[in-house]
């Protein structure tokens, strides 16, 4: 092992060029370009962005009907949180579901869009079949989206206050996050 490392170092230094003869190297990109920037914002993202950028507290719940953790969160009483917070908006965005919004399943758990727009139900389209994981969109609102379900709480005109992933949010935790996001403390 030691000999292999020494041989590797020796061959690397033998091929090294002096600064005067070294070719210009391309700029280093530390992070890949966000998928949202390459693909453009979807209509669903634009609608949710318009909501979360207004004053108030806004919950964005990204979920999928086929996901056991998503169904468990709904069964735990997510609708009770919606009902208990009439001054909070709730955007239920179905992800990785071939563009279907899952409204029928949400209705079975007591969640339905409201006429005033306080509760919305939408689907985030993928770049192809959701069954092909490589075609799934991996960002939403410019934030990484790697788990389903994911729940975000926004406040102060679009600031992300809390993020819960992969079935971490219970009605009690979400209620606490909403309460804290509603608090009037500020950063200096």
C-alpha atoms as a PDB file:
ATOM      1  CA  UNK A   1       0.000   0.000   0.000  1.00  0.00           C
ATOM      2  CA  UNK A   2       2.830   2.371   0.976  1.00  0.00           C
ATOM      3  CA  UNK A   3       4.727   1.559  -2.222  1.00  0.00           C
ATOM      4  CA  UNK A   4       1.638   2.223  -4.350  1.00  0.00           C
ATOM      5  CA  UNK A   5       1.167   5.611  -2.682  1.00  0.00           C
ATOM      6  CA  UNK A   6       4.821   6.525  -3.254  1.00  0.00           C
ATOM      7  CA  UNK A   7       4.608   5.491  -6.918  1.00  0.00           C
ATOM      8  CA  UNK A   8       1.426   7.548  -7.324  1.00  0.00           C
ATOM      9  CA  UNK A   9       3.075  10.612  -5.780  1.00  0.00           C
ATOM     10  CA  UNK A  10       6.209  10.151  -7.885  1.00  0.00           C
ATOM     11  CA  UNK A  11       4.273   9.890 -11.132  1.00  0.00           C
ATOM     12  CA  UNK A  12       2.161  12.925 -10.225  1.00  0.00           C
ATOM     13  CA  UNK A  13       5.221  15.062  -9.496  1.00  0.00           C
ATOM     14  CA  UNK A  14       6.999  13.858 -12.641  1.00  0.00           C
ATOM     15  CA  UNK A  15       4.116  15.102 -14.747  1.00  0.00           C
ATOM     16  CA  UNK A  16       3.781  18.382 -12.866  1.00  0.00           C
ATOM     17  CA  UNK A  17       4.427  21.529 -14.839  1.00  0.00           C
ATOM     18  CA  UNK A  18       6.150  24.630 -13.631  1.00  0.00           C
ATOM     19  CA  UNK A  19       3.922  27.676 -13.117  1.00  0.00           C
ATOM     20  CA  UNK A  20       5.374  29.309 -16.248  1.00  0.00           C
ATOM     21  CA  UNK A  21       4.337  26.421 -18.488  1.00  0.00           C
ATOM     22  CA  UNK A  22       1.126  25.350 -16.758  1.00  0.00           C
ATOM     23  CA  UNK A  23      -1.951  25.866 -18.918  1.00  0.00           C
ATOM     24  CA  UNK A  24      -4.693  28.090 -17.576  1.00  0.00           C
ATOM     25  CA  UNK A  25      -7.199  25.996 -15.675  1.00  0.00           C
ATOM     26  CA  UNK A  26     -10.928  26.492 -16.013  1.00  0.00           C
ATOM     27  CA  UNK A  27     -12.716  28.146 -13.102  1.00  0.00           C
ATOM     28  CA  UNK A  28     -13.701  25.772 -10.341  1.00  0.00           C
ATOM     29  CA  UNK A  29     -17.412  25.348  -9.692  1.00  0.00           C
ATOM     30  CA  UNK A  30     -17.956  24.390  -6.061  1.00  0.00           C
ATOM     31  CA  UNK A  31     -21.610  23.437  -6.377  1.00  0.00           C
ATOM     32  CA  UNK A  32     -23.639  22.276  -9.337  1.00  0.00           C
ATOM     33  CA  UNK A  33     -26.088  24.702 -10.826  1.00  0.00           C
ATOM     34  CA  UNK A  34     -29.431  24.281  -9.019  1.00  0.00           C
ATOM     35  CA  UNK A  35     -31.886  22.187 -10.999  1.00  0.00           C
ATOM     36  CA  UNK A  36     -34.534  24.884 -10.602  1.00  0.00           C
ATOM     37  CA  UNK A  37     -32.264  27.363 -12.395  1.00  0.00           C
ATOM     38  CA  UNK A  38     -31.614  24.984 -15.284  1.00  0.00           C
ATOM     39  CA  UNK A  39     -35.219  23.913 -15.750  1.00  0.00           C
ATOM     40  CA  UNK A  40     -37.008  27.111 -14.838  1.00  0.00           C
ATOM     41  CA  UNK A  41     -39.653  27.613 -12.214  1.00  0.00           C
ATOM     42  CA  UNK A  42     -42.853  25.612 -12.662  1.00  0.00           C
ATOM     43  CA  UNK A  43     -46.328  27.131 -12.393  1.00  0.00           C
ATOM     44  CA  UNK A  44     -46.781  25.304  -9.086  1.00  0.00           C
ATOM     45  CA  UNK A  45     -43.580  26.809  -7.695  1.00  0.00           C
ATOM     46  CA  UNK A  46     -44.538  30.281  -8.901  1.00  0.00           C
ATOM     47  CA  UNK A  47     -47.928  30.037  -7.190  1.00  0.00           C
ATOM     48  CA  UNK A  48     -46.458  28.765  -3.919  1.00  0.00           C
ATOM     49  CA  UNK A  49     -43.659  31.373  -4.052  1.00  0.00           C
ATOM     50  CA  UNK A  50     -46.252  34.149  -4.464  1.00  0.00           C
ATOM     51  CA  UNK A  51     -47.998  32.857  -1.344  1.00  0.00           C
ATOM     52  CA  UNK A  52     -44.957  32.388   0.909  1.00  0.00           C
ATOM     53  CA  UNK A  53     -43.541  35.794  -0.005  1.00  0.00           C
ATOM     54  CA  UNK A  54     -46.563  37.564   1.468  1.00  0.00           C
ATOM     55  CA  UNK A  55     -46.628  38.555   5.124  1.00  0.00           C
ATOM     56  CA  UNK A  56     -47.722  35.868   7.536  1.00  0.00           C
ATOM     57  CA  UNK A  57     -46.927  32.256   8.260  1.00  0.00           C
ATOM     58  CA  UNK A  58     -47.119  29.706   5.468  1.00  0.00           C
ATOM     59  CA  UNK A  59     -46.799  25.921   5.553  1.00  0.00           C
ATOM     60  CA  UNK A  60     -45.676  24.059   2.427  1.00  0.00           C
ATOM     61  CA  UNK A  61     -46.194  20.313   2.668  1.00  0.00           C
ATOM     62  CA  UNK A  62     -44.558  18.265  -0.122  1.00  0.00           C
ATOM     63  CA  UNK A  63     -45.894  14.728  -0.184  1.00  0.00           C
ATOM     64  CA  UNK A  64     -46.879  11.761  -2.364  1.00  0.00           C
ATOM     65  CA  UNK A  65     -49.958   9.503  -2.151  1.00  0.00           C
ATOM     66  CA  UNK A  66     -47.835   6.370  -2.631  1.00  0.00           C
ATOM     67  CA  UNK A  67     -45.525   7.267   0.292  1.00  0.00           C
ATOM     68  CA  UNK A  68     -46.198   5.493   3.593  1.00  0.00           C
ATOM     69  CA  UNK A  69     -44.695   8.327   5.640  1.00  0.00           C
ATOM     70  CA  UNK A  70     -46.894  10.846   3.807  1.00  0.00           C
ATOM     71  CA  UNK A  71     -50.002   8.822   4.579  1.00  0.00           C
ATOM     72  CA  UNK A  72     -48.917   8.405   8.214  1.00  0.00           C
ATOM     73  CA  UNK A  73     -48.568  12.179   8.638  1.00  0.00           C
ATOM     74  CA  UNK A  74     -52.031  12.693   7.164  1.00  0.00           C
ATOM     75  CA  UNK A  75     -53.491   9.998   9.432  1.00  0.00           C
ATOM     76  CA  UNK A  76     -51.839  11.553  12.498  1.00  0.00           C
ATOM     77  CA  UNK A  77     -54.142  14.551  12.143  1.00  0.00           C
ATOM     78  CA  UNK A  78     -52.540  17.094   9.859  1.00  0.00           C
ATOM     79  CA  UNK A  79     -56.064  18.349   9.088  1.00  0.00           C
ATOM     80  CA  UNK A  80     -56.445  19.358  12.758  1.00  0.00           C
ATOM     81  CA  UNK A  81     -53.432  21.667  12.422  1.00  0.00           C
ATOM     82  CA  UNK A  82     -54.977  23.224   9.318  1.00  0.00           C
ATOM     83  CA  UNK A  83     -58.284  23.786  11.125  1.00  0.00           C
ATOM     84  CA  UNK A  84     -56.610  25.165  14.266  1.00  0.00           C
ATOM     85  CA  UNK A  85     -54.663  27.866  12.370  1.00  0.00           C
ATOM     86  CA  UNK A  86     -57.076  29.967  10.296  1.00  0.00           C
ATOM     87  CA  UNK A  87     -54.460  32.719   9.823  1.00  0.00           C
ATOM     88  CA  UNK A  88     -51.872  30.380   8.278  1.00  0.00           C
ATOM     89  CA  UNK A  89     -51.791  29.279   4.637  1.00  0.00           C
ATOM     90  CA  UNK A  90     -51.204  25.621   3.763  1.00  0.00           C
ATOM     91  CA  UNK A  91     -49.913  24.536   0.349  1.00  0.00           C
ATOM     92  CA  UNK A  92     -50.131  20.769  -0.197  1.00  0.00           C
ATOM     93  CA  UNK A  93     -47.837  19.992  -3.129  1.00  0.00           C
ATOM     94  CA  UNK A  94     -47.774  16.464  -4.477  1.00  0.00           C
ATOM     95  CA  UNK A  95     -44.326  15.449  -5.721  1.00  0.00           C
ATOM     96  CA  UNK A  96     -43.042  12.511  -7.736  1.00  0.00           C
ATOM     97  CA  UNK A  97     -46.567  11.410  -8.686  1.00  0.00           C
ATOM     98  CA  UNK A  98     -46.671  11.843 -12.494  1.00  0.00           C
ATOM     99  CA  UNK A  99     -48.251  15.277 -12.188  1.00  0.00           C
ATOM    100  CA  UNK A 100     -51.311  14.089 -10.256  1.00  0.00           C
ATOM    101  CA  UNK A 101     -52.249  16.230  -7.245  1.00  0.00           C
ATOM    102  CA  UNK A 102     -53.571  13.550  -4.882  1.00  0.00           C
ATOM    103  CA  UNK A 103     -56.564  15.731  -3.953  1.00  0.00           C
ATOM    104  CA  UNK A 104     -58.823  12.687  -3.517  1.00  0.00           C
ATOM    105  CA  UNK A 105     -56.505  11.183  -0.903  1.00  0.00           C
ATOM    106  CA  UNK A 106     -56.164  14.507   0.915  1.00  0.00           C
ATOM    107  CA  UNK A 107     -59.967  14.764   1.018  1.00  0.00           C
ATOM    108  CA  UNK A 108     -60.139  11.359   2.741  1.00  0.00           C
ATOM    109  CA  UNK A 109     -58.005  12.875   5.503  1.00  0.00           C
ATOM    110  CA  UNK A 110     -60.143  16.016   5.803  1.00  0.00           C
ATOM    111  CA  UNK A 111     -57.953  18.348   3.723  1.00  0.00           C
ATOM    112  CA  UNK A 112     -59.458  20.206   0.769  1.00  0.00           C
ATOM    113  CA  UNK A 113     -58.678  23.442  -1.074  1.00  0.00           C
ATOM    114  CA  UNK A 114     -60.514  26.488   0.245  1.00  0.00           C
ATOM    115  CA  UNK A 115     -62.200  29.168  -1.830  1.00  0.00           C
ATOM    116  CA  UNK A 116     -60.135  31.891  -0.153  1.00  0.00           C
ATOM    117  CA  UNK A 117     -56.829  30.221  -1.148  1.00  0.00           C
ATOM    118  CA  UNK A 118     -55.762  29.566   2.449  1.00  0.00           C
ATOM    119  CA  UNK A 119     -55.462  25.846   1.645  1.00  0.00           C
ATOM    120  CA  UNK A 120     -54.230  24.913  -1.812  1.00  0.00           C
ATOM    121  CA  UNK A 121     -53.585  21.551  -3.444  1.00  0.00           C
ATOM    122  CA  UNK A 122     -51.287  21.259  -6.457  1.00  0.00           C
ATOM    123  CA  UNK A 123     -48.879  18.900  -8.191  1.00  0.00           C
ATOM    124  CA  UNK A 124     -45.237  19.588  -9.002  1.00  0.00           C
ATOM    125  CA  UNK A 125     -44.580  18.119 -12.464  1.00  0.00           C
ATOM    126  CA  UNK A 126     -41.460  16.082 -13.095  1.00  0.00           C
ATOM    127  CA  UNK A 127     -39.303  16.077 -16.231  1.00  0.00           C
ATOM    128  CA  UNK A 128     -40.767  12.725 -17.259  1.00  0.00           C
ATOM    129  CA  UNK A 129     -42.146   9.613 -15.587  1.00  0.00           C
ATOM    130  CA  UNK A 130     -41.899   9.842 -11.804  1.00  0.00           C
ATOM    131  CA  UNK A 131     -41.019   6.134 -11.778  1.00  0.00           C
ATOM    132  CA  UNK A 132     -37.661   7.156 -13.264  1.00  0.00           C
ATOM    133  CA  UNK A 133     -35.901   8.714 -10.264  1.00  0.00           C
ATOM    134  CA  UNK A 134     -33.510  10.589 -12.566  1.00  0.00           C
ATOM    135  CA  UNK A 135     -36.467  12.542 -13.997  1.00  0.00           C
ATOM    136  CA  UNK A 136     -37.781  13.708 -10.621  1.00  0.00           C
ATOM    137  CA  UNK A 137     -37.284  17.348  -9.773  1.00  0.00           C
ATOM    138  CA  UNK A 138     -34.997  17.629  -6.769  1.00  0.00           C
ATOM    139  CA  UNK A 139     -35.618  21.236  -5.807  1.00  0.00           C
ATOM    140  CA  UNK A 140     -38.660  23.303  -4.977  1.00  0.00           C
ATOM    141  CA  UNK A 141     -38.502  27.065  -4.475  1.00  0.00           C
ATOM    142  CA  UNK A 142     -34.745  26.720  -4.954  1.00  0.00           C
ATOM    143  CA  UNK A 143     -34.464  24.486  -1.877  1.00  0.00           C
ATOM    144  CA  UNK A 144     -33.244  20.892  -1.996  1.00  0.00           C
ATOM    145  CA  UNK A 145     -35.981  18.298  -2.148  1.00  0.00           C
ATOM    146  CA  UNK A 146     -34.661  14.853  -1.326  1.00  0.00           C
ATOM    147  CA  UNK A 147     -37.325  13.343   0.919  1.00  0.00           C
ATOM    148  CA  UNK A 148     -41.013  12.758   0.854  1.00  0.00           C
ATOM    149  CA  UNK A 149     -42.751  14.023   2.835  1.00  0.00           C
ATOM    150  CA  UNK A 150     -41.083  17.368   3.460  1.00  0.00           C
ATOM    151  CA  UNK A 151     -42.743  20.174   5.382  1.00  0.00           C
ATOM    152  CA  UNK A 152     -41.505  23.777   5.424  1.00  0.00           C
ATOM    153  CA  UNK A 153     -42.755  26.685   7.498  1.00  0.00           C
ATOM    154  CA  UNK A 154     -42.121  30.172   6.077  1.00  0.00           C
ATOM    155  CA  UNK A 155     -42.561  33.588   7.671  1.00  0.00           C
ATOM    156  CA  UNK A 156     -41.377  37.200   7.310  1.00  0.00           C
ATOM    157  CA  UNK A 157     -42.121  37.520   3.605  1.00  0.00           C
ATOM    158  CA  UNK A 158     -40.583  34.266   2.430  1.00  0.00           C
ATOM    159  CA  UNK A 159     -37.994  33.348   5.053  1.00  0.00           C
ATOM    160  CA  UNK A 160     -37.716  29.617   5.744  1.00  0.00           C
ATOM    161  CA  UNK A 161     -38.224  29.249   9.486  1.00  0.00           C
ATOM    162  CA  UNK A 162     -38.508  25.445   9.886  1.00  0.00           C
ATOM    163  CA  UNK A 163     -37.922  22.366   7.744  1.00  0.00           C
ATOM    164  CA  UNK A 164     -39.038  18.814   8.514  1.00  0.00           C
ATOM    165  CA  UNK A 165     -38.147  15.814   6.352  1.00  0.00           C
ATOM    166  CA  UNK A 166     -39.108  12.186   5.894  1.00  0.00           C
ATOM    167  CA  UNK A 167     -42.043  11.865   8.222  1.00  0.00           C
ATOM    168  CA  UNK A 168     -40.501  13.919  11.031  1.00  0.00           C
ATOM    169  CA  UNK A 169     -43.423  16.267  11.559  1.00  0.00           C
ATOM    170  CA  UNK A 170     -46.221  15.441  13.949  1.00  0.00           C
ATOM    171  CA  UNK A 171     -49.235  17.688  14.501  1.00  0.00           C
ATOM    172  CA  UNK A 172     -47.686  18.795  17.805  1.00  0.00           C
ATOM    173  CA  UNK A 173     -44.333  19.653  16.217  1.00  0.00           C
ATOM    174  CA  UNK A 174     -45.971  21.526  13.345  1.00  0.00           C
ATOM    175  CA  UNK A 175     -48.182  23.459  15.776  1.00  0.00           C
ATOM    176  CA  UNK A 176     -45.099  24.447  17.785  1.00  0.00           C
ATOM    177  CA  UNK A 177     -43.225  25.495  14.625  1.00  0.00           C
ATOM    178  CA  UNK A 178     -46.193  27.617  13.518  1.00  0.00           C
ATOM    179  CA  UNK A 179     -46.382  29.232  16.946  1.00  0.00           C
ATOM    180  CA  UNK A 180     -42.665  30.037  16.927  1.00  0.00           C
ATOM    181  CA  UNK A 181     -42.811  31.302  13.346  1.00  0.00           C
ATOM    182  CA  UNK A 182     -45.639  33.618  14.420  1.00  0.00           C
ATOM    183  CA  UNK A 183     -43.617  35.109  17.284  1.00  0.00           C
ATOM    184  CA  UNK A 184     -42.584  38.705  16.771  1.00  0.00           C
ATOM    185  CA  UNK A 185     -38.874  38.336  17.590  1.00  0.00           C
ATOM    186  CA  UNK A 186     -36.431  39.840  15.088  1.00  0.00           C
ATOM    187  CA  UNK A 187     -32.771  39.437  14.184  1.00  0.00           C
ATOM    188  CA  UNK A 188     -30.345  42.294  14.681  1.00  0.00           C
END
